[in-house]
Protein backbone atom coordinates (compact mmCIF):
# COMPACT_ATOMS: atom_id res chain seq x y z
CA MET A 1 -17.27 8.23 -0.71
CA THR A 2 -16.42 7.09 -4.21
CA ILE A 3 -16.39 10.55 -5.75
CA PRO A 4 -14.23 11.08 -8.87
CA VAL A 5 -11.66 13.75 -8.10
CA ALA A 6 -11.84 15.04 -11.65
CA PRO A 7 -14.67 14.99 -14.18
CA ASP A 8 -12.68 12.66 -16.44
CA SER A 9 -10.96 10.52 -13.80
CA SER A 10 -12.75 7.43 -15.08
CA SER A 11 -12.64 8.13 -18.81
CA GLU A 12 -13.96 5.62 -21.30
CA PRO A 13 -11.50 3.42 -23.21
CA GLY A 14 -10.34 5.00 -26.43
CA LYS A 15 -10.65 8.56 -25.21
CA GLN A 16 -7.93 9.75 -22.87
CA PRO A 17 -5.01 7.69 -21.61
CA PRO A 18 -5.81 6.39 -18.11
CA LEU A 19 -4.55 7.89 -14.91
CA THR A 20 -1.80 5.71 -13.45
CA MET A 21 0.54 5.86 -10.48
CA PHE A 22 3.16 7.43 -12.72
CA GLY A 23 5.13 9.70 -10.42
CA PRO A 24 4.69 12.46 -9.55
CA ASP A 25 7.89 12.61 -7.49
CA PHE A 26 9.82 10.23 -9.75
CA PRO A 27 7.91 9.79 -13.04
CA PHE A 28 9.54 6.59 -14.24
CA PRO A 29 7.46 4.07 -16.27
CA TYR A 30 7.79 1.03 -13.99
CA ASP A 31 4.93 -0.72 -15.77
CA ASP A 32 6.67 -0.47 -19.16
CA TYR A 33 10.04 -1.40 -17.64
CA VAL A 34 8.90 -4.67 -16.05
CA SER A 35 6.84 -5.72 -19.08
CA SER A 36 9.62 -5.17 -21.63
CA PRO A 37 10.74 -8.38 -23.38
CA ALA A 38 14.32 -7.11 -23.00
CA GLY A 39 14.16 -7.83 -19.26
CA LEU A 40 15.42 -5.77 -16.36
CA GLY A 41 19.11 -6.37 -16.81
CA SER A 42 22.04 -8.77 -16.70
CA VAL A 43 25.17 -9.33 -14.64
CA PRO A 44 28.65 -10.46 -15.74
CA ASP A 45 29.11 -14.23 -16.09
CA LEU A 46 31.31 -14.33 -12.99
CA ALA A 47 28.46 -12.84 -10.95
CA LEU A 48 25.83 -15.36 -12.06
CA GLY A 49 24.57 -17.40 -9.11
CA THR A 50 25.77 -14.81 -6.59
CA GLU A 51 23.78 -14.96 -3.37
CA VAL A 52 21.83 -11.83 -2.45
CA ALA A 53 20.10 -11.51 0.93
CA VAL A 54 16.46 -10.46 0.69
CA ILE A 55 15.31 -9.49 4.15
CA GLY A 56 11.53 -9.53 4.48
CA GLY A 57 9.10 -11.77 2.63
CA GLY A 58 6.33 -9.25 1.94
CA LEU A 59 5.34 -8.08 -1.52
CA SER A 60 8.44 -5.94 -2.01
CA GLY A 61 10.75 -8.75 -0.90
CA MET A 62 9.04 -11.30 -3.13
CA ILE A 63 9.12 -9.00 -6.16
CA ALA A 64 12.83 -8.35 -5.56
CA ALA A 65 13.58 -12.06 -5.12
CA TYR A 66 11.58 -13.02 -8.20
CA GLU A 67 13.32 -10.46 -10.42
CA LEU A 68 16.78 -11.25 -9.01
CA LEU A 69 16.11 -14.90 -9.87
CA LYS A 70 15.31 -13.92 -13.46
CA VAL A 71 18.57 -11.98 -13.71
CA GLY A 72 20.50 -15.12 -12.68
CA LEU A 73 21.26 -14.25 -9.07
CA LYS A 74 20.39 -16.34 -6.02
CA PRO A 75 18.04 -14.58 -3.61
CA ILE A 76 18.18 -15.94 -0.05
CA VAL A 77 14.98 -14.86 1.68
CA TYR A 78 14.69 -14.10 5.40
CA GLU A 79 11.22 -13.84 6.91
CA ALA A 80 10.34 -13.43 10.59
CA ASP A 81 6.80 -14.77 10.33
CA GLN A 82 5.10 -15.69 7.05
CA ILE A 83 5.45 -14.83 3.39
CA GLY A 84 3.12 -11.98 2.56
CA GLY A 85 3.92 -9.20 5.01
CA ARG A 86 0.90 -6.91 5.13
CA MET A 87 -0.69 -8.93 2.38
CA ARG A 88 -2.10 -11.24 5.03
CA SER A 89 -5.18 -13.33 4.19
CA VAL A 90 -6.56 -15.21 7.19
CA GLU A 91 -8.78 -18.25 6.59
CA PHE A 92 -11.62 -19.29 8.87
CA ASP A 93 -11.43 -22.87 10.17
CA GLY A 94 -13.75 -25.15 8.26
CA HIS A 95 -14.40 -22.60 5.51
CA PRO A 96 -11.63 -22.92 2.92
CA GLY A 97 -11.43 -20.09 0.45
CA VAL A 98 -13.11 -17.54 2.71
CA VAL A 99 -10.42 -15.12 3.85
CA ALA A 100 -10.26 -12.02 5.97
CA GLU A 101 -7.85 -9.51 4.49
CA MET A 102 -6.06 -8.23 7.57
CA GLY A 103 -3.83 -5.90 5.56
CA ALA A 104 -4.05 -4.95 1.90
CA MET A 105 -7.51 -5.69 0.52
CA ARG A 106 -8.30 -3.24 -2.29
CA PHE A 107 -6.21 -2.07 -5.21
CA PRO A 108 -6.76 0.72 -7.76
CA PRO A 109 -6.46 -0.05 -11.49
CA SER A 110 -4.04 2.87 -11.65
CA SER A 111 -1.52 0.48 -9.99
CA THR A 112 -0.44 -0.70 -13.42
CA THR A 113 2.81 -2.34 -12.33
CA LEU A 114 0.92 -4.34 -9.70
CA PHE A 115 -1.61 -5.45 -12.32
CA HIS A 116 1.26 -6.57 -14.58
CA TYR A 117 2.27 -9.10 -11.91
CA LEU A 118 -1.33 -10.08 -11.14
CA ASN A 119 -1.81 -10.88 -14.82
CA GLU A 120 1.52 -12.70 -15.14
CA LEU A 121 0.66 -14.87 -12.15
CA GLY A 122 -2.90 -15.57 -13.26
CA LEU A 123 -4.68 -13.87 -10.37
CA GLN A 124 -8.19 -12.55 -10.89
CA THR A 125 -9.65 -9.39 -9.37
CA GLU A 126 -13.18 -8.26 -8.66
CA GLU A 127 -14.81 -4.94 -7.83
CA PHE A 128 -14.49 -3.98 -4.18
CA PRO A 129 -17.61 -2.71 -2.34
CA ASN A 130 -16.45 0.72 -1.26
CA PRO A 131 -19.03 3.31 -0.18
CA LEU A 132 -21.32 4.33 -3.06
CA ALA A 133 -19.39 2.19 -5.55
CA GLU A 134 -21.46 0.67 -8.35
CA VAL A 135 -20.89 -2.85 -7.03
CA THR A 136 -22.04 -1.83 -3.53
CA PRO A 137 -25.77 -2.60 -3.17
CA SER A 138 -26.33 0.31 -0.77
CA THR A 139 -24.49 2.65 1.57
CA VAL A 140 -25.52 4.15 4.89
CA ILE A 141 -23.89 7.33 6.18
CA ASP A 142 -24.49 7.62 9.93
CA LEU A 143 -23.26 10.80 11.61
CA LYS A 144 -24.27 12.29 14.95
CA GLY A 145 -27.07 9.79 15.36
CA GLU A 146 -28.68 10.48 11.97
CA SER A 147 -28.55 7.90 9.20
CA HIS A 148 -28.95 8.33 5.44
CA TYR A 149 -29.51 5.46 3.01
CA ALA A 150 -28.09 5.86 -0.49
CA HIS A 151 -27.13 4.20 -3.75
CA THR A 152 -25.50 7.30 -5.25
CA LEU A 153 -24.23 10.64 -3.99
CA GLU A 154 -27.44 12.27 -5.21
CA ASP A 155 -29.46 10.21 -2.70
CA LEU A 156 -27.73 11.93 0.22
CA PRO A 157 -28.62 15.34 1.72
CA PRO A 158 -27.16 18.35 -0.14
CA ILE A 159 -24.32 18.85 2.39
CA TYR A 160 -22.54 15.76 1.03
CA THR A 161 -22.59 17.05 -2.54
CA GLU A 162 -21.41 20.42 -1.25
CA VAL A 163 -18.49 18.75 0.52
CA ALA A 164 -17.57 16.77 -2.61
CA GLN A 165 -17.66 19.90 -4.74
CA ALA A 166 -15.65 21.84 -2.17
CA TRP A 167 -12.92 19.18 -2.27
CA GLN A 168 -12.88 19.21 -6.08
CA ARG A 169 -12.63 23.00 -6.25
CA THR A 170 -9.96 23.12 -3.56
CA LEU A 171 -7.82 20.66 -5.50
CA GLU A 172 -8.29 22.54 -8.74
CA GLU A 173 -7.51 25.95 -7.27
CA HIS A 174 -4.74 25.05 -4.82
CA ALA A 175 -3.10 21.93 -6.28
CA ASP A 176 -3.31 22.37 -10.08
CA LEU A 177 -5.27 19.13 -10.20
CA ILE A 178 -6.49 19.20 -13.81
CA PRO A 179 -3.20 20.07 -15.57
CA LEU A 180 -1.24 17.74 -13.30
CA GLN A 181 -3.55 14.81 -13.99
CA GLN A 182 -3.39 15.55 -17.71
CA ALA A 183 0.41 15.52 -17.59
CA ILE A 184 0.29 12.13 -15.81
CA ARG A 185 -2.10 10.78 -18.45
CA ASP A 186 0.26 12.00 -21.20
CA ARG A 187 3.36 10.87 -19.27
CA ASP A 188 4.78 14.30 -19.86
CA THR A 189 7.62 14.09 -17.35
CA ALA A 190 8.76 17.69 -17.81
CA GLU A 191 5.29 19.06 -17.12
CA ILE A 192 4.74 16.69 -14.19
CA LYS A 193 7.97 17.82 -12.58
CA ARG A 194 7.28 21.50 -13.25
CA ILE A 195 3.90 21.38 -11.50
CA TRP A 196 4.69 18.87 -8.78
CA ASN A 197 8.04 20.34 -7.74
CA ASP A 198 6.32 23.67 -7.18
CA LEU A 199 3.68 21.97 -5.01
CA VAL A 200 6.40 20.29 -2.94
CA VAL A 201 8.07 23.63 -2.25
CA ARG A 202 4.73 25.25 -1.38
CA TYR A 203 3.25 22.49 0.77
CA ASP A 204 6.02 20.46 2.42
CA ASP A 205 5.27 22.16 5.75
CA GLN A 206 1.48 21.99 5.45
CA THR A 207 -0.87 19.51 7.09
CA PHE A 208 -3.88 18.00 5.35
CA TYR A 209 -6.12 19.88 7.77
CA GLY A 210 -4.27 23.16 7.23
CA PHE A 211 -4.64 22.76 3.49
CA LEU A 212 -8.41 22.38 3.87
CA ALA A 213 -8.76 25.23 6.37
CA ALA A 214 -6.86 27.59 4.04
CA SER A 215 -9.40 27.00 1.26
CA LYS A 216 -12.39 29.34 1.05
CA HIS A 217 -14.46 26.28 0.15
CA PHE A 218 -13.81 24.75 3.60
CA LYS A 219 -14.13 27.85 5.76
CA SER A 220 -17.03 26.14 7.53
CA PHE A 221 -15.87 23.88 10.37
CA HIS A 222 -18.95 21.73 9.77
CA MET A 223 -17.78 21.13 6.19
CA ARG A 224 -14.35 20.08 7.42
CA GLU A 225 -15.90 17.82 10.03
CA VAL A 226 -18.20 16.07 7.54
CA PHE A 227 -15.37 15.71 5.06
CA GLY A 228 -13.17 14.14 7.73
CA GLN A 229 -15.81 11.63 8.70
CA VAL A 230 -17.05 10.72 5.20
CA GLY A 231 -14.21 11.91 3.02
CA PHE A 232 -13.53 10.73 -0.47
CA GLY A 233 -12.85 7.36 -2.10
CA THR A 234 -12.82 4.85 0.74
CA GLY A 235 -14.35 6.91 3.53
CA GLY A 236 -13.38 9.29 6.29
CA TRP A 237 -9.93 10.84 6.30
CA ASP A 238 -9.86 12.78 9.54
CA THR A 239 -7.24 10.43 10.97
CA ASP A 240 -4.98 11.72 8.19
CA TYR A 241 -5.57 15.36 9.04
CA PRO A 242 -2.22 15.75 10.90
CA ASN A 243 -0.24 14.26 7.99
CA SER A 244 1.44 16.15 5.17
CA ILE A 245 -0.94 17.28 2.43
CA LEU A 246 1.63 15.97 -0.07
CA GLU A 247 0.74 12.44 1.08
CA ILE A 248 -2.90 13.05 0.19
CA LEU A 249 -2.22 14.78 -3.11
CA ARG A 250 -0.17 11.81 -4.33
CA VAL A 251 -3.18 9.56 -3.73
CA VAL A 252 -5.70 11.89 -5.35
CA ILE A 253 -3.87 12.86 -8.49
CA THR A 254 -3.00 9.26 -9.40
CA ALA A 255 -6.53 7.91 -8.79
CA ALA A 256 -5.16 5.59 -6.10
CA ASP A 257 -8.38 5.89 -4.12
CA ASP A 258 -10.73 5.19 -7.04
CA ASP A 259 -12.44 2.11 -8.49
CA HIS A 260 -10.79 -0.41 -6.17
CA ARG A 261 -10.61 -4.10 -6.89
CA GLY A 262 -9.99 -7.05 -4.57
CA ILE A 263 -7.93 -10.14 -5.39
CA VAL A 264 -10.14 -13.21 -5.69
CA GLY A 265 -9.06 -15.74 -3.06
CA GLY A 266 -6.97 -13.26 -1.07
CA SER A 267 -4.09 -10.86 -1.66
CA GLN A 268 -1.51 -13.11 0.04
CA GLN A 269 -1.63 -15.32 -3.05
CA LEU A 270 0.47 -12.76 -4.93
CA PRO A 271 3.64 -12.97 -2.78
CA MET A 272 3.10 -16.74 -2.38
CA ARG A 273 2.97 -17.26 -6.14
CA LEU A 274 6.08 -15.14 -6.62
CA TRP A 275 7.79 -17.48 -4.15
CA ASN A 276 6.64 -20.63 -5.95
CA ARG A 277 6.55 -19.65 -9.63
CA ALA A 278 9.25 -20.54 -12.15
CA PRO A 279 9.67 -17.60 -14.55
CA GLU A 280 9.43 -18.39 -18.26
CA HIS A 281 12.65 -16.58 -19.03
CA MET A 282 15.64 -16.39 -16.70
CA ALA A 283 19.40 -16.34 -16.94
CA HIS A 284 21.71 -19.04 -15.53
CA TRP A 285 19.14 -21.20 -13.74
CA PRO A 286 17.59 -24.32 -15.30
CA ALA A 287 13.93 -24.28 -16.30
CA GLY A 288 11.61 -24.84 -13.37
CA THR A 289 13.80 -23.01 -10.83
CA THR A 290 11.84 -20.95 -8.31
CA VAL A 291 12.73 -18.66 -5.45
CA ALA A 292 11.41 -21.42 -3.17
CA SER A 293 13.63 -24.09 -4.73
CA LEU A 294 16.73 -21.90 -4.33
CA ASN A 295 15.82 -21.61 -0.65
CA ASP A 296 15.22 -25.36 -0.19
CA GLY A 297 11.51 -24.71 0.20
CA GLU A 298 11.63 -22.48 3.27
CA THR A 299 12.81 -19.04 4.24
CA ARG A 300 15.56 -18.34 6.71
CA PRO A 301 14.19 -17.09 10.08
CA ARG A 302 14.11 -13.52 11.36
CA VAL A 303 17.26 -11.44 11.02
CA THR A 304 18.82 -10.33 14.29
CA GLU A 305 21.97 -8.58 13.08
CA LEU A 306 23.29 -6.79 10.00
CA ARG A 307 26.89 -5.68 9.80
CA ARG A 308 29.47 -4.59 7.26
CA THR A 309 32.41 -6.94 6.69
CA GLU A 310 35.39 -6.73 4.39
CA PRO A 311 35.68 -6.40 1.46
CA GLY A 312 32.40 -4.46 1.21
CA ASN A 313 30.14 -7.39 2.08
CA ILE A 314 26.99 -7.59 4.20
CA THR A 315 26.96 -10.23 6.97
CA VAL A 316 23.59 -11.41 8.26
CA THR A 317 22.88 -13.24 11.51
CA ASP A 318 19.48 -14.85 11.99
CA SER A 319 17.55 -15.95 15.08
CA GLU A 320 19.00 -19.46 14.86
CA GLY A 321 22.51 -18.03 15.16
CA PHE A 322 23.29 -18.84 11.52
CA ILE A 323 25.76 -16.36 9.99
CA ARG A 324 25.99 -15.82 6.25
CA THR A 325 27.82 -13.20 4.21
CA TYR A 326 26.56 -11.65 0.97
CA ALA A 327 27.94 -9.37 -1.72
CA SER A 328 24.68 -7.40 -1.59
CA ALA A 329 21.42 -7.24 0.35
CA VAL A 330 17.89 -5.89 -0.12
CA VAL A 331 16.17 -4.82 3.10
CA THR A 332 12.39 -4.60 2.77
CA VAL A 333 11.34 -4.61 6.43
CA GLN A 334 9.61 -1.60 7.96
CA SER A 335 12.37 0.88 8.67
CA TRP A 336 11.89 0.92 12.43
CA MET A 337 13.03 -2.70 12.58
CA LEU A 338 16.53 -1.39 11.87
CA LEU A 339 16.39 0.67 15.07
CA ASN A 340 15.36 -2.03 17.53
CA ASN A 341 14.69 -5.62 16.40
CA ILE A 342 17.79 -5.84 14.21
CA ARG A 343 21.25 -4.89 15.51
CA CYS A 344 22.88 -2.80 12.80
CA ASP A 345 26.30 -1.39 12.15
CA ASP A 346 26.24 2.38 11.99
CA ASP A 347 28.14 2.13 8.71
CA LEU A 348 25.30 0.40 6.90
CA PHE A 349 23.84 3.79 5.98
CA PRO A 350 24.99 7.42 6.01
CA ILE A 351 23.98 9.35 9.12
CA ASP A 352 21.39 11.40 7.22
CA HIS A 353 19.66 8.17 6.18
CA TRP A 354 19.64 6.94 9.76
CA THR A 355 18.01 10.22 10.75
CA ALA A 356 15.36 9.72 8.08
CA ILE A 357 14.69 6.19 9.35
CA GLU A 358 14.40 7.43 12.93
CA ARG A 359 11.91 10.16 11.89
CA THR A 360 9.61 7.71 10.12
CA HIS A 361 5.99 8.14 11.22
CA TYR A 362 3.63 5.15 11.01
CA MET A 363 -0.16 5.00 10.95
CA GLY A 364 -1.78 2.40 13.19
CA SER A 365 -4.70 0.37 11.91
CA THR A 366 -7.13 -2.24 13.27
CA LYS A 367 -9.57 -4.58 11.53
CA VAL A 368 -12.26 -6.80 13.01
CA PHE A 369 -13.93 -9.52 10.90
CA VAL A 370 -16.77 -11.95 11.56
CA LEU A 371 -18.05 -14.86 9.49
CA VAL A 372 -21.83 -15.14 9.19
CA ASP A 373 -24.07 -17.94 7.97
CA ARG A 374 -25.17 -16.12 4.83
CA PRO A 375 -25.18 -12.61 3.33
CA PHE A 376 -28.26 -11.68 5.35
CA TRP A 377 -27.69 -8.00 4.60
CA LYS A 378 -29.42 -8.63 1.27
CA ASP A 379 -32.71 -9.26 3.05
CA LYS A 380 -35.19 -6.49 2.35
CA ASP A 381 -36.92 -4.56 5.08
CA PRO A 382 -40.62 -5.35 4.59
CA VAL A 383 -41.65 -1.77 5.38
CA THR A 384 -39.04 0.31 3.53
CA GLY A 385 -37.90 -2.16 0.87
CA ARG A 386 -34.31 -1.27 1.69
CA ASP A 387 -31.40 -3.64 2.30
CA SER A 388 -31.49 -4.73 5.93
CA VAL A 389 -27.81 -3.71 6.33
CA SER A 390 -25.60 -1.58 4.09
CA MET A 391 -21.97 -0.69 3.67
CA THR A 392 -21.68 1.75 6.57
CA LEU A 393 -19.64 4.87 7.31
CA THR A 394 -20.19 6.28 10.78
CA ASP A 395 -18.67 8.38 13.52
CA ARG A 396 -19.37 5.53 15.95
CA MET A 397 -16.52 3.20 16.89
CA SER A 398 -17.02 0.85 13.97
CA ARG A 399 -16.22 3.74 11.55
CA GLY A 400 -16.21 1.64 8.37
CA THR A 401 -18.16 -1.63 7.91
CA TYR A 402 -17.82 -3.63 4.69
CA LEU A 403 -20.10 -6.45 3.52
CA LEU A 404 -18.21 -9.06 1.50
CA ASP A 405 -20.41 -11.47 -0.46
CA GLN A 406 -18.60 -14.79 -1.02
CA GLY A 407 -21.05 -16.11 -3.61
CA GLU A 408 -24.17 -18.21 -3.78
CA GLY A 409 -24.50 -20.84 -1.06
CA LYS A 410 -21.46 -19.60 0.87
CA PRO A 411 -21.16 -17.86 4.23
CA GLY A 412 -20.98 -14.09 4.31
CA LEU A 413 -18.01 -12.11 5.57
CA ILE A 414 -18.28 -8.78 7.37
CA CYS A 415 -15.42 -6.44 8.06
CA LEU A 416 -17.14 -5.04 11.15
CA SER A 417 -14.62 -2.29 11.60
CA TYR A 418 -11.69 -0.73 9.80
CA THR A 419 -10.08 1.99 11.91
CA TRP A 420 -6.93 4.12 11.82
CA SER A 421 -4.58 5.94 14.18
CA ASP A 422 -6.42 7.26 17.26
CA ASP A 423 -9.46 5.10 16.52
CA SER A 424 -7.18 2.08 16.34
CA LEU A 425 -5.44 3.00 19.59
CA LYS A 426 -8.79 2.98 21.39
CA LEU A 427 -9.01 -0.76 20.72
CA LEU A 428 -5.50 -1.92 21.58
CA ALA A 429 -6.24 -3.18 25.08
CA LEU A 430 -9.25 -5.26 23.96
CA ASP A 431 -9.35 -8.83 22.68
CA ALA A 432 -11.17 -9.94 19.54
CA THR A 433 -14.49 -10.67 21.27
CA GLU A 434 -14.49 -7.36 23.13
CA ARG A 435 -13.78 -5.53 19.91
CA MET A 436 -16.56 -7.42 18.14
CA ASN A 437 -19.05 -6.52 20.87
CA ILE A 438 -18.22 -2.81 20.61
CA MET A 439 -18.75 -2.87 16.85
CA LEU A 440 -21.97 -4.83 17.11
CA ARG A 441 -23.35 -2.36 19.65
CA SER A 442 -22.61 0.45 17.19
CA LEU A 443 -24.28 -1.36 14.31
CA GLU A 444 -27.30 -2.34 16.42
CA GLU A 445 -27.89 1.37 17.07
CA ILE A 446 -27.78 2.08 13.35
CA TYR A 447 -29.87 -0.96 12.37
CA PRO A 448 -32.37 -1.52 15.19
CA GLY A 449 -34.12 -4.84 14.90
CA VAL A 450 -31.32 -6.57 12.96
CA ASP A 451 -30.01 -9.53 14.99
CA PHE A 452 -26.38 -9.57 13.87
CA ARG A 453 -25.30 -12.00 16.57
CA SER A 454 -27.66 -14.77 15.48
CA HIS A 455 -25.84 -15.03 12.15
CA ILE A 456 -22.24 -15.27 13.46
CA ILE A 457 -20.83 -18.78 12.95
CA SER A 458 -17.16 -18.37 13.88
CA SER A 459 -15.03 -16.54 16.41
CA PRO A 460 -14.03 -13.03 15.30
CA VAL A 461 -10.57 -12.35 13.93
CA THR A 462 -8.74 -9.10 14.49
CA LEU A 463 -5.36 -7.49 14.02
CA SER A 464 -3.77 -4.20 15.07
CA TRP A 465 -0.67 -3.57 13.02
CA GLU A 466 0.93 -1.27 15.59
CA THR A 467 1.23 -4.17 18.04
CA GLU A 468 2.74 -6.57 15.50
CA ARG A 469 6.36 -7.10 16.57
CA ASP A 470 7.72 -6.99 13.03
CA PHE A 471 5.68 -4.04 11.82
CA MET A 472 4.76 -1.61 14.66
CA GLY A 473 2.36 0.14 12.31
CA ALA A 474 0.27 -0.28 9.18
CA PHE A 475 2.27 2.01 6.94
CA LYS A 476 4.32 5.16 6.84
CA ALA A 477 2.61 8.54 6.62
CA ASN A 478 4.87 11.55 6.36
CA LEU A 479 4.29 14.50 8.65
CA PRO A 480 4.84 18.09 7.49
CA GLY A 481 8.51 18.74 6.89
CA HIS A 482 9.32 15.09 6.18
CA TYR A 483 9.84 15.41 2.44
CA ARG A 484 13.61 15.64 2.79
CA TYR A 485 13.68 12.38 4.76
CA GLN A 486 11.50 10.66 2.18
CA GLU A 487 13.68 11.85 -0.68
CA ARG A 488 16.81 10.43 0.99
CA LEU A 489 15.27 7.01 1.58
CA PHE A 490 13.66 6.67 -1.84
CA SER A 491 16.83 7.80 -3.66
CA HIS A 492 19.09 5.48 -1.67
CA PHE A 493 19.20 2.88 -4.46
CA VAL A 494 21.40 5.18 -6.56
CA GLN A 495 24.68 4.88 -4.68
CA ASN A 496 27.36 6.34 -6.95
CA ASP A 497 27.81 9.32 -4.63
CA LEU A 498 27.93 7.24 -1.44
CA GLU A 499 31.18 6.22 0.18
CA PRO A 500 32.08 2.58 -0.60
CA ARG A 501 31.40 1.59 3.02
CA HIS A 502 27.74 2.54 2.53
CA ARG A 503 27.14 0.72 -0.75
CA GLY A 504 25.67 -2.66 -1.57
CA ILE A 505 22.70 -2.66 0.83
CA PHE A 506 19.43 -1.42 -0.66
CA LEU A 507 16.26 -0.26 1.07
CA ALA A 508 12.88 -1.24 -0.39
CA GLY A 509 9.28 -1.56 0.73
CA ASP A 510 6.30 0.71 0.57
CA ASP A 511 7.49 2.92 3.44
CA VAL A 512 10.53 3.83 1.34
CA SER A 513 8.24 4.65 -1.57
CA TRP A 514 6.33 7.83 -2.24
CA THR A 515 3.03 5.99 -1.81
CA ALA A 516 3.26 4.13 1.48
CA GLY A 517 0.38 1.75 2.04
CA TRP A 518 -0.04 1.06 -1.66
CA ALA A 519 1.21 -2.14 -3.29
CA GLU A 520 2.40 -0.15 -6.29
CA GLY A 521 4.86 1.71 -4.09
CA ALA A 522 6.21 -1.52 -2.62
CA ILE A 523 6.77 -2.89 -6.13
CA GLN A 524 8.42 0.26 -7.43
CA THR A 525 11.00 0.30 -4.64
CA ALA A 526 11.67 -3.42 -5.15
CA ILE A 527 12.43 -2.72 -8.81
CA ASN A 528 14.72 0.12 -7.75
CA ALA A 529 16.59 -2.25 -5.43
CA VAL A 530 16.95 -4.88 -8.17
CA TRP A 531 18.48 -2.25 -10.44
CA GLY A 532 20.79 -1.26 -7.57
CA VAL A 533 21.95 -4.85 -6.94
CA VAL A 534 22.58 -5.50 -10.64
CA ASN A 535 24.53 -2.26 -10.95
CA HIS A 536 26.50 -2.99 -7.75
CA LEU A 537 27.54 -6.41 -9.10
CA GLY A 538 28.84 -4.91 -12.34
CA GLY A 539 25.74 -5.46 -14.45
CA ALA A 540 23.37 -3.12 -16.24
CA ALA A 541 19.88 -2.76 -17.63
CA PRO A 542 19.49 -3.29 -21.40
CA THR A 543 20.16 -0.20 -23.47
CA GLU A 544 16.71 -0.56 -25.05
CA ASN A 545 15.09 -0.77 -21.60
CA PRO A 546 16.91 1.64 -19.27
CA GLY A 547 16.20 1.20 -15.58
CA PRO A 548 15.26 3.71 -12.90
CA GLY A 549 18.89 4.37 -11.98
CA ASP A 550 19.88 4.97 -15.59
CA VAL A 551 17.51 7.92 -15.94
CA PHE A 552 17.62 9.02 -12.32
CA GLU A 553 19.49 12.26 -12.92
CA GLU A 554 16.83 13.36 -15.39
CA LEU A 555 13.79 12.32 -13.32
CA ALA A 556 15.09 12.57 -9.74
CA PRO A 557 12.78 13.93 -7.06
CA ILE A 558 13.39 17.56 -6.25
CA ARG A 559 15.99 18.02 -3.52
CA LEU A 560 15.03 20.76 -1.09
CA GLY A 561 17.69 22.94 0.45
CA ASP A 562 18.14 23.80 4.11
């Protein structure tokens, strides 16, 4: 449910500074850094035009390539499938402009670095119809065969308010929510690190479920069950119960699950525009140069091998057998690709980093979409006066159903089902039509008398990220005890203490970030990698706009001992 996690989490303009995804593990102002007129850095004249391999054409790869272009370097992009990664917007044949967001589809305003790029590239956003959000006409909560129709939390039975209050009190009493959020608003890095580092020490070995069960406010199993199925923000979170509570706290304290917005026309436009846009200000390259033009209009194909060659270079082999050697490389693919799809030299990374990559834990996810002739869910029931269909959260197989109005005179789009982990695994053996039929049977039980099938005008589209060859999961989700692995991978861009044979290759992507699954995390790690490449090639960030590596010692994530 869209329940603010603090009384002031959506404060009016002019009162408190907004909550942003500023830290907490590494409280560096990425939004200020990328928007500074001083730029991100420069390289020596002899390094201008140097080729840098960018492996993976998702958001992180495109941000890295775009910023390397501006610095005066030459990003060579490798992509196994299509630019966009998990920003994948699928069009329906014969209906241009209507897209199913198979990956990223909703973005919190607290992702301020993301919104910097959206604004720079001229992309518009609109409110996303999450459960009980203001833009959502109505919401139905259907649990254990009983349905409740609501516009606000107050319309639901008291148990839902009790669950929301229990979550709020648990966060305040066990996670220092209010002072930590205030420190993030104030960008008080010392206070953020004081509070957050203590939470890391206390909770690195704790699951989300264990955190709830330890709270007196969730002593009731029924409360924990309802919370897992309905949850906060975007819906049920029981599929996250085995994950580290630190993963959840990062989302909550930075308002990453609040007030979501969608990108008008589809999220894949963002990486595509980064590929095609000529920056206004860039070193070395003539006006009008784009990442696409430096790559002759197309990416190199999938990478099959990465190896270290003298003197300190990175040699890349692609699926066409083409071999090219670079002074530096940015690797943005999901980490597991380095264990199986890409042959890698052991010397690319220190052994502890390889261990961290091997221990990565991914969440699976499945979506099923159908296109309908019109937004028929707006029709009113003649008896009750209610919407004929509502945004739906349920314990049935559909779990989350979203109604996406495309505008007057246009077809309607329904995300029939958005499932995670075990719920996603239940669907893996089924094709799109079989999946659709399961979801429709669920919805027909909730909305008897509504003829969903008569409105469908196109074959369903579906995707399970765990079966995608180049992903094998939707995003990383750390398990208890994984903080040390995460700290190694995130901090990898600062390489002064690494042996020379391990330098020059930089990991990026949201699964290297502290907020896997969020575009902001993908962008932050891309910016880290750009700083790393510039530094590796003898360059530096401007003194008036120090980069993440320049202040790393001061802001570095806590390093836990044995």
